[in-house]
């Protein structure tokens, strides 16, 4: 409590002046708590809005993936000696993989650009032209695709569906696009087998046969086995 002079009781009269009670501090704390609560509510509302926005974004990505797959399915000369993969990152479609013909790289980019409204980053590797590599390709094909393999694995649409759910070590984080159980990639006499088989026995037989091809400098493994 402090004192002051008051004119009502005379110039020399000392009158006590009562200060504001301690409730002021309480009110300040209440205001702070209310402000903090409002901030928490605002953050929660923002998170809900972002979560709601993520749903149509995810649906849009799925639709883009489906369109890219349909575009690649229209490639007229995509075959067993090629392998492609792609990913969607915002407004960009990235293409990767191997093409044994230079035209396939251009055709894939063109097909995707016509299918989706997005930038296309074309990172497909065109394999070098070589008569040795061509002989190795066909020899490997004839040894791998024996009657027992060819009769149990159907190339085309059924294989495309299998590859859709595959997470390949060769192309991490990407969508593989395959149409054969085993794609045969040959570069400078080295063979890379990429694919998806049903059993470990099938995989073992395929690699035993591939390693019997003459003039190869090695056979690399990028074949996965489906697990139940």
C-alpha atoms as a PDB file:
ATOM      1  CA  UNK A   1       0.000   0.000   0.000  1.00  0.00           C
ATOM      2  CA  UNK A   2       1.219   3.542  -0.843  1.00  0.00           C
ATOM      3  CA  UNK A   3      -0.020   6.926   0.322  1.00  0.00           C
ATOM      4  CA  UNK A   4      -1.112  10.063  -1.475  1.00  0.00           C
ATOM      5  CA  UNK A   5      -2.490  13.440  -0.632  1.00  0.00           C
ATOM      6  CA  UNK A   6      -6.124  14.085  -1.354  1.00  0.00           C
ATOM      7  CA  UNK A   7      -7.774  17.477  -1.823  1.00  0.00           C
ATOM      8  CA  UNK A   8     -11.098  16.166  -0.559  1.00  0.00           C
ATOM      9  CA  UNK A   9      -9.860  15.922   3.021  1.00  0.00           C
ATOM     10  CA  UNK A  10      -7.538  18.843   2.963  1.00  0.00           C
ATOM     11  CA  UNK A  11      -4.144  19.426   1.500  1.00  0.00           C
ATOM     12  CA  UNK A  12      -2.273  17.897   4.385  1.00  0.00           C
ATOM     13  CA  UNK A  13      -4.436  14.797   4.851  1.00  0.00           C
ATOM     14  CA  UNK A  14      -2.731  11.478   4.032  1.00  0.00           C
ATOM     15  CA  UNK A  15      -5.077   9.014   2.380  1.00  0.00           C
ATOM     16  CA  UNK A  16      -4.087   5.409   1.629  1.00  0.00           C
ATOM     17  CA  UNK A  17      -4.235   4.416  -2.056  1.00  0.00           C
ATOM     18  CA  UNK A  18      -5.190   0.786  -2.503  1.00  0.00           C
ATOM     19  CA  UNK A  19      -3.302  -0.995  -5.313  1.00  0.00           C
ATOM     20  CA  UNK A  20      -4.846  -3.570  -7.655  1.00  0.00           C
ATOM     21  CA  UNK A  21      -5.141  -6.940  -5.950  1.00  0.00           C
ATOM     22  CA  UNK A  22      -3.060  -9.995  -6.787  1.00  0.00           C
ATOM     23  CA  UNK A  23      -5.776 -11.078  -9.193  1.00  0.00           C
ATOM     24  CA  UNK A  24      -3.846  -9.180 -11.884  1.00  0.00           C
ATOM     25  CA  UNK A  25      -1.196 -11.887 -11.913  1.00  0.00           C
ATOM     26  CA  UNK A  26      -3.876 -14.558 -12.058  1.00  0.00           C
ATOM     27  CA  UNK A  27      -5.508 -12.858 -15.035  1.00  0.00           C
ATOM     28  CA  UNK A  28      -2.202 -12.661 -16.842  1.00  0.00           C
ATOM     29  CA  UNK A  29      -1.720 -16.405 -16.387  1.00  0.00           C
ATOM     30  CA  UNK A  30      -5.238 -17.083 -17.617  1.00  0.00           C
ATOM     31  CA  UNK A  31      -4.625 -14.995 -20.733  1.00  0.00           C
ATOM     32  CA  UNK A  32      -1.397 -16.849 -21.384  1.00  0.00           C
ATOM     33  CA  UNK A  33      -3.149 -20.192 -21.044  1.00  0.00           C
ATOM     34  CA  UNK A  34      -5.908 -19.052 -23.402  1.00  0.00           C
ATOM     35  CA  UNK A  35      -3.351 -17.896 -25.962  1.00  0.00           C
ATOM     36  CA  UNK A  36      -1.505 -21.219 -25.723  1.00  0.00           C
ATOM     37  CA  UNK A  37      -4.763 -23.121 -26.131  1.00  0.00           C
ATOM     38  CA  UNK A  38      -5.682 -21.077 -29.179  1.00  0.00           C
ATOM     39  CA  UNK A  39      -2.256 -21.815 -30.695  1.00  0.00           C
ATOM     40  CA  UNK A  40      -2.704 -25.554 -30.121  1.00  0.00           C
ATOM     41  CA  UNK A  41      -6.142 -25.477 -31.740  1.00  0.00           C
ATOM     42  CA  UNK A  42      -4.735 -23.566 -34.702  1.00  0.00           C
ATOM     43  CA  UNK A  43      -1.965 -26.136 -35.182  1.00  0.00           C
ATOM     44  CA  UNK A  44      -4.459 -28.991 -34.966  1.00  0.00           C
ATOM     45  CA  UNK A  45      -6.683 -27.332 -37.543  1.00  0.00           C
ATOM     46  CA  UNK A  46      -3.710 -26.810 -39.861  1.00  0.00           C
ATOM     47  CA  UNK A  47      -2.715 -30.477 -39.526  1.00  0.00           C
ATOM     48  CA  UNK A  48      -6.261 -31.555 -40.387  1.00  0.00           C
ATOM     49  CA  UNK A  49      -6.268 -29.342 -43.469  1.00  0.00           C
ATOM     50  CA  UNK A  50      -2.909 -30.745 -44.598  1.00  0.00           C
ATOM     51  CA  UNK A  51      -4.068 -34.315 -44.038  1.00  0.00           C
ATOM     52  CA  UNK A  52      -7.202 -33.638 -46.055  1.00  0.00           C
ATOM     53  CA  UNK A  53      -5.079 -32.137 -48.821  1.00  0.00           C
ATOM     54  CA  UNK A  54      -2.805 -35.204 -48.868  1.00  0.00           C
ATOM     55  CA  UNK A  55      -5.707 -37.505 -49.770  1.00  0.00           C
ATOM     56  CA  UNK A  56      -6.452 -36.026 -53.218  1.00  0.00           C
ATOM     57  CA  UNK A  57      -2.690 -35.669 -53.819  1.00  0.00           C
ATOM     58  CA  UNK A  58      -2.193 -39.399 -53.191  1.00  0.00           C
ATOM     59  CA  UNK A  59      -5.119 -40.230 -55.463  1.00  0.00           C
ATOM     60  CA  UNK A  60      -3.673 -38.018 -58.174  1.00  0.00           C
ATOM     61  CA  UNK A  61      -0.314 -39.814 -57.896  1.00  0.00           C
ATOM     62  CA  UNK A  62      -2.014 -43.202 -58.254  1.00  0.00           C
ATOM     63  CA  UNK A  63      -3.840 -41.976 -61.334  1.00  0.00           C
ATOM     64  CA  UNK A  64      -0.595 -40.674 -62.838  1.00  0.00           C
ATOM     65  CA  UNK A  65       1.133 -44.013 -62.191  1.00  0.00           C
ATOM     66  CA  UNK A  66      -1.703 -45.840 -63.946  1.00  0.00           C
ATOM     67  CA  UNK A  67      -1.490 -43.500 -66.937  1.00  0.00           C
ATOM     68  CA  UNK A  68       2.271 -43.932 -67.237  1.00  0.00           C
ATOM     69  CA  UNK A  69       1.897 -47.706 -67.150  1.00  0.00           C
ATOM     70  CA  UNK A  70      -0.724 -47.575 -69.896  1.00  0.00           C
ATOM     71  CA  UNK A  71       1.563 -45.341 -71.946  1.00  0.00           C
ATOM     72  CA  UNK A  72       4.502 -47.740 -71.642  1.00  0.00           C
ATOM     73  CA  UNK A  73       2.216 -50.640 -72.537  1.00  0.00           C
ATOM     74  CA  UNK A  74       1.685 -48.992 -75.933  1.00  0.00           C
ATOM     75  CA  UNK A  75       5.371 -49.133 -76.850  1.00  0.00           C
ATOM     76  CA  UNK A  76       5.374 -51.343 -79.955  1.00  0.00           C
ATOM     77  CA  UNK A  77       8.928 -52.680 -79.653  1.00  0.00           C
ATOM     78  CA  UNK A  78       9.434 -52.938 -75.901  1.00  0.00           C
ATOM     79  CA  UNK A  79      10.568 -56.462 -75.221  1.00  0.00           C
ATOM     80  CA  UNK A  80      12.631 -59.028 -73.408  1.00  0.00           C
ATOM     81  CA  UNK A  81      15.942 -57.234 -74.111  1.00  0.00           C
ATOM     82  CA  UNK A  82      14.747 -53.978 -72.466  1.00  0.00           C
ATOM     83  CA  UNK A  83      13.640 -53.021 -68.992  1.00  0.00           C
ATOM     84  CA  UNK A  84      12.085 -49.755 -67.792  1.00  0.00           C
ATOM     85  CA  UNK A  85      11.120 -48.242 -64.460  1.00  0.00           C
ATOM     86  CA  UNK A  86       9.644 -44.886 -63.470  1.00  0.00           C
ATOM     87  CA  UNK A  87       8.715 -42.715 -60.511  1.00  0.00           C
ATOM     88  CA  UNK A  88       6.441 -39.728 -59.887  1.00  0.00           C
ATOM     89  CA  UNK A  89       7.892 -36.858 -57.886  1.00  0.00           C
ATOM     90  CA  UNK A  90       5.555 -33.884 -57.756  1.00  0.00           C
ATOM     91  CA  UNK A  91       5.127 -32.703 -61.320  1.00  0.00           C
ATOM     92  CA  UNK A  92       7.979 -34.773 -62.752  1.00  0.00           C
ATOM     93  CA  UNK A  93       8.031 -38.291 -64.176  1.00  0.00           C
ATOM     94  CA  UNK A  94      11.497 -39.877 -64.122  1.00  0.00           C
ATOM     95  CA  UNK A  95      12.220 -42.717 -66.539  1.00  0.00           C
ATOM     96  CA  UNK A  96      15.079 -45.145 -65.942  1.00  0.00           C
ATOM     97  CA  UNK A  97      16.135 -48.524 -67.231  1.00  0.00           C
ATOM     98  CA  UNK A  98      17.773 -50.036 -70.297  1.00  0.00           C
ATOM     99  CA  UNK A  99      16.940 -49.899 -73.994  1.00  0.00           C
ATOM    100  CA  UNK A 100      18.804 -51.995 -76.532  1.00  0.00           C
ATOM    101  CA  UNK A 101      17.495 -49.738 -79.329  1.00  0.00           C
ATOM    102  CA  UNK A 102      18.037 -45.943 -79.224  1.00  0.00           C
ATOM    103  CA  UNK A 103      14.518 -45.375 -80.578  1.00  0.00           C
ATOM    104  CA  UNK A 104      12.935 -46.919 -77.481  1.00  0.00           C
ATOM    105  CA  UNK A 105      14.269 -44.129 -75.258  1.00  0.00           C
ATOM    106  CA  UNK A 106      12.643 -41.463 -77.456  1.00  0.00           C
ATOM    107  CA  UNK A 107       9.427 -43.448 -77.870  1.00  0.00           C
ATOM    108  CA  UNK A 108       9.013 -43.966 -74.105  1.00  0.00           C
ATOM    109  CA  UNK A 109       9.431 -40.269 -73.392  1.00  0.00           C
ATOM    110  CA  UNK A 110       7.012 -39.323 -76.148  1.00  0.00           C
ATOM    111  CA  UNK A 111       4.352 -41.784 -74.960  1.00  0.00           C
ATOM    112  CA  UNK A 112       4.547 -40.549 -71.363  1.00  0.00           C
ATOM    113  CA  UNK A 113       4.382 -36.884 -72.393  1.00  0.00           C
ATOM    114  CA  UNK A 114       1.186 -37.576 -74.313  1.00  0.00           C
ATOM    115  CA  UNK A 115      -0.324 -39.479 -71.390  1.00  0.00           C
ATOM    116  CA  UNK A 116       0.292 -37.105 -68.466  1.00  0.00           C
ATOM    117  CA  UNK A 117       0.685 -33.389 -67.870  1.00  0.00           C
ATOM    118  CA  UNK A 118       4.124 -33.450 -66.291  1.00  0.00           C
ATOM    119  CA  UNK A 119       7.778 -32.876 -66.992  1.00  0.00           C
ATOM    120  CA  UNK A 120       9.646 -36.002 -68.084  1.00  0.00           C
ATOM    121  CA  UNK A 121      13.201 -36.645 -66.931  1.00  0.00           C
ATOM    122  CA  UNK A 122      14.530 -39.302 -69.291  1.00  0.00           C
ATOM    123  CA  UNK A 123      17.384 -41.272 -67.707  1.00  0.00           C
ATOM    124  CA  UNK A 124      16.978 -44.445 -69.767  1.00  0.00           C
ATOM    125  CA  UNK A 125      20.354 -45.912 -70.694  1.00  0.00           C
ATOM    126  CA  UNK A 126      20.776 -46.903 -74.334  1.00  0.00           C
ATOM    127  CA  UNK A 127      22.879 -50.041 -74.511  1.00  0.00           C
ATOM    128  CA  UNK A 128      25.852 -49.973 -76.893  1.00  0.00           C
ATOM    129  CA  UNK A 129      25.433 -51.613 -80.284  1.00  0.00           C
ATOM    130  CA  UNK A 130      27.518 -54.763 -80.601  1.00  0.00           C
ATOM    131  CA  UNK A 131      27.298 -57.899 -82.692  1.00  0.00           C
ATOM    132  CA  UNK A 132      28.818 -59.843 -79.778  1.00  0.00           C
ATOM    133  CA  UNK A 133      26.111 -58.546 -77.445  1.00  0.00           C
ATOM    134  CA  UNK A 134      23.391 -59.397 -79.957  1.00  0.00           C
ATOM    135  CA  UNK A 135      24.592 -63.000 -80.200  1.00  0.00           C
ATOM    136  CA  UNK A 136      24.748 -63.227 -76.412  1.00  0.00           C
ATOM    137  CA  UNK A 137      21.189 -61.846 -76.132  1.00  0.00           C
ATOM    138  CA  UNK A 138      19.694 -64.449 -78.428  1.00  0.00           C
ATOM    139  CA  UNK A 139      21.753 -67.311 -77.052  1.00  0.00           C
ATOM    140  CA  UNK A 140      20.744 -66.387 -73.491  1.00  0.00           C
ATOM    141  CA  UNK A 141      17.110 -66.117 -74.535  1.00  0.00           C
ATOM    142  CA  UNK A 142      17.104 -69.567 -76.105  1.00  0.00           C
ATOM    143  CA  UNK A 143      18.709 -71.124 -73.028  1.00  0.00           C
ATOM    144  CA  UNK A 144      16.551 -69.320 -70.452  1.00  0.00           C
ATOM    145  CA  UNK A 145      13.198 -69.664 -72.166  1.00  0.00           C
ATOM    146  CA  UNK A 146      13.065 -73.422 -72.395  1.00  0.00           C
ATOM    147  CA  UNK A 147       9.743 -75.153 -72.784  1.00  0.00           C
ATOM    148  CA  UNK A 148       9.189 -75.612 -69.057  1.00  0.00           C
ATOM    149  CA  UNK A 149       9.684 -71.884 -68.342  1.00  0.00           C
ATOM    150  CA  UNK A 150       7.784 -70.677 -71.407  1.00  0.00           C
ATOM    151  CA  UNK A 151       4.832 -72.937 -70.646  1.00  0.00           C
ATOM    152  CA  UNK A 152       4.402 -71.718 -67.041  1.00  0.00           C
ATOM    153  CA  UNK A 153       5.042 -68.007 -67.459  1.00  0.00           C
ATOM    154  CA  UNK A 154       2.939 -65.918 -69.808  1.00  0.00           C
ATOM    155  CA  UNK A 155       4.450 -62.660 -71.032  1.00  0.00           C
ATOM    156  CA  UNK A 156       2.315 -59.571 -71.418  1.00  0.00           C
ATOM    157  CA  UNK A 157      -0.557 -58.376 -69.248  1.00  0.00           C
ATOM    158  CA  UNK A 158      -0.293 -60.977 -66.504  1.00  0.00           C
ATOM    159  CA  UNK A 159       3.376 -60.197 -65.923  1.00  0.00           C
ATOM    160  CA  UNK A 160       2.652 -56.455 -65.912  1.00  0.00           C
ATOM    161  CA  UNK A 161       0.297 -56.948 -62.963  1.00  0.00           C
ATOM    162  CA  UNK A 162       2.943 -58.929 -61.078  1.00  0.00           C
ATOM    163  CA  UNK A 163       5.539 -56.207 -61.535  1.00  0.00           C
ATOM    164  CA  UNK A 164       3.135 -53.528 -60.244  1.00  0.00           C
ATOM    165  CA  UNK A 165       3.502 -54.706 -56.642  1.00  0.00           C
ATOM    166  CA  UNK A 166       7.249 -55.323 -56.861  1.00  0.00           C
ATOM    167  CA  UNK A 167       9.848 -53.269 -55.005  1.00  0.00           C
ATOM    168  CA  UNK A 168      13.053 -54.003 -56.887  1.00  0.00           C
ATOM    169  CA  UNK A 169      16.510 -53.511 -55.435  1.00  0.00           C
ATOM    170  CA  UNK A 170      17.743 -52.537 -58.884  1.00  0.00           C
ATOM    171  CA  UNK A 171      15.403 -49.515 -58.992  1.00  0.00           C
ATOM    172  CA  UNK A 172      14.652 -48.576 -55.364  1.00  0.00           C
ATOM    173  CA  UNK A 173      11.609 -46.381 -54.865  1.00  0.00           C
ATOM    174  CA  UNK A 174      10.531 -46.758 -58.485  1.00  0.00           C
ATOM    175  CA  UNK A 175       7.710 -48.490 -60.328  1.00  0.00           C
ATOM    176  CA  UNK A 176       9.154 -51.344 -62.428  1.00  0.00           C
ATOM    177  CA  UNK A 177       7.529 -52.033 -65.766  1.00  0.00           C
ATOM    178  CA  UNK A 178       8.160 -55.561 -66.986  1.00  0.00           C
ATOM    179  CA  UNK A 179       6.347 -57.783 -69.451  1.00  0.00           C
ATOM    180  CA  UNK A 180       8.501 -60.933 -69.243  1.00  0.00           C
ATOM    181  CA  UNK A 181       9.349 -63.142 -66.269  1.00  0.00           C
ATOM    182  CA  UNK A 182      13.026 -62.526 -67.031  1.00  0.00           C
ATOM    183  CA  UNK A 183      14.357 -59.568 -69.010  1.00  0.00           C
ATOM    184  CA  UNK A 184      17.817 -60.048 -70.513  1.00  0.00           C
ATOM    185  CA  UNK A 185      20.046 -56.968 -70.451  1.00  0.00           C
ATOM    186  CA  UNK A 186      23.430 -57.286 -72.165  1.00  0.00           C
ATOM    187  CA  UNK A 187      26.133 -54.629 -72.067  1.00  0.00           C
ATOM    188  CA  UNK A 188      29.706 -55.179 -73.236  1.00  0.00           C
ATOM    189  CA  UNK A 189      29.263 -58.979 -73.023  1.00  0.00           C
ATOM    190  CA  UNK A 190      28.019 -58.817 -69.426  1.00  0.00           C
ATOM    191  CA  UNK A 191      24.511 -60.183 -68.771  1.00  0.00           C
ATOM    192  CA  UNK A 192      22.035 -58.736 -66.284  1.00  0.00           C
ATOM    193  CA  UNK A 193      18.898 -60.780 -65.635  1.00  0.00           C
ATOM    194  CA  UNK A 194      15.954 -58.743 -64.313  1.00  0.00           C
ATOM    195  CA  UNK A 195      12.654 -60.307 -63.425  1.00  0.00           C
ATOM    196  CA  UNK A 196      10.213 -62.095 -61.191  1.00  0.00           C
ATOM    197  CA  UNK A 197       9.860 -65.866 -60.832  1.00  0.00           C
ATOM    198  CA  UNK A 198       7.626 -68.089 -58.736  1.00  0.00           C
ATOM    199  CA  UNK A 199      10.186 -70.402 -57.129  1.00  0.00           C
ATOM    200  CA  UNK A 200      13.813 -70.511 -56.072  1.00  0.00           C
ATOM    201  CA  UNK A 201      14.220 -73.618 -58.230  1.00  0.00           C
ATOM    202  CA  UNK A 202      13.136 -71.722 -61.344  1.00  0.00           C
ATOM    203  CA  UNK A 203      15.628 -68.980 -60.540  1.00  0.00           C
ATOM    204  CA  UNK A 204      18.453 -71.479 -60.015  1.00  0.00           C
ATOM    205  CA  UNK A 205      17.739 -73.181 -63.339  1.00  0.00           C
ATOM    206  CA  UNK A 206      17.610 -69.866 -65.184  1.00  0.00           C
ATOM    207  CA  UNK A 207      21.004 -68.774 -63.886  1.00  0.00           C
ATOM    208  CA  UNK A 208      22.631 -72.141 -64.512  1.00  0.00           C
ATOM    209  CA  UNK A 209      21.545 -71.933 -68.130  1.00  0.00           C
ATOM    210  CA  UNK A 210      22.509 -68.274 -68.534  1.00  0.00           C
ATOM    211  CA  UNK A 211      26.027 -68.957 -67.262  1.00  0.00           C
ATOM    212  CA  UNK A 212      26.486 -71.575 -69.973  1.00  0.00           C
ATOM    213  CA  UNK A 213      26.299 -68.949 -72.717  1.00  0.00           C
ATOM    214  CA  UNK A 214      29.723 -68.587 -74.356  1.00  0.00           C
ATOM    215  CA  UNK A 215      31.647 -65.300 -74.621  1.00  0.00           C
ATOM    216  CA  UNK A 216      29.924 -63.683 -71.616  1.00  0.00           C
ATOM    217  CA  UNK A 217      32.038 -61.990 -68.943  1.00  0.00           C
ATOM    218  CA  UNK A 218      29.517 -62.520 -66.150  1.00  0.00           C
ATOM    219  CA  UNK A 219      25.853 -62.874 -65.212  1.00  0.00           C
ATOM    220  CA  UNK A 220      24.411 -60.454 -62.660  1.00  0.00           C
ATOM    221  CA  UNK A 221      21.330 -61.193 -60.598  1.00  0.00           C
ATOM    222  CA  UNK A 222      18.334 -58.855 -60.361  1.00  0.00           C
ATOM    223  CA  UNK A 223      15.693 -61.577 -60.372  1.00  0.00           C
ATOM    224  CA  UNK A 224      13.299 -61.752 -57.436  1.00  0.00           C
ATOM    225  CA  UNK A 225      11.189 -64.685 -56.259  1.00  0.00           C
ATOM    226  CA  UNK A 226       7.581 -64.175 -55.302  1.00  0.00           C
ATOM    227  CA  UNK A 227       6.880 -65.045 -51.675  1.00  0.00           C
ATOM    228  CA  UNK A 228       3.421 -66.195 -50.518  1.00  0.00           C
END
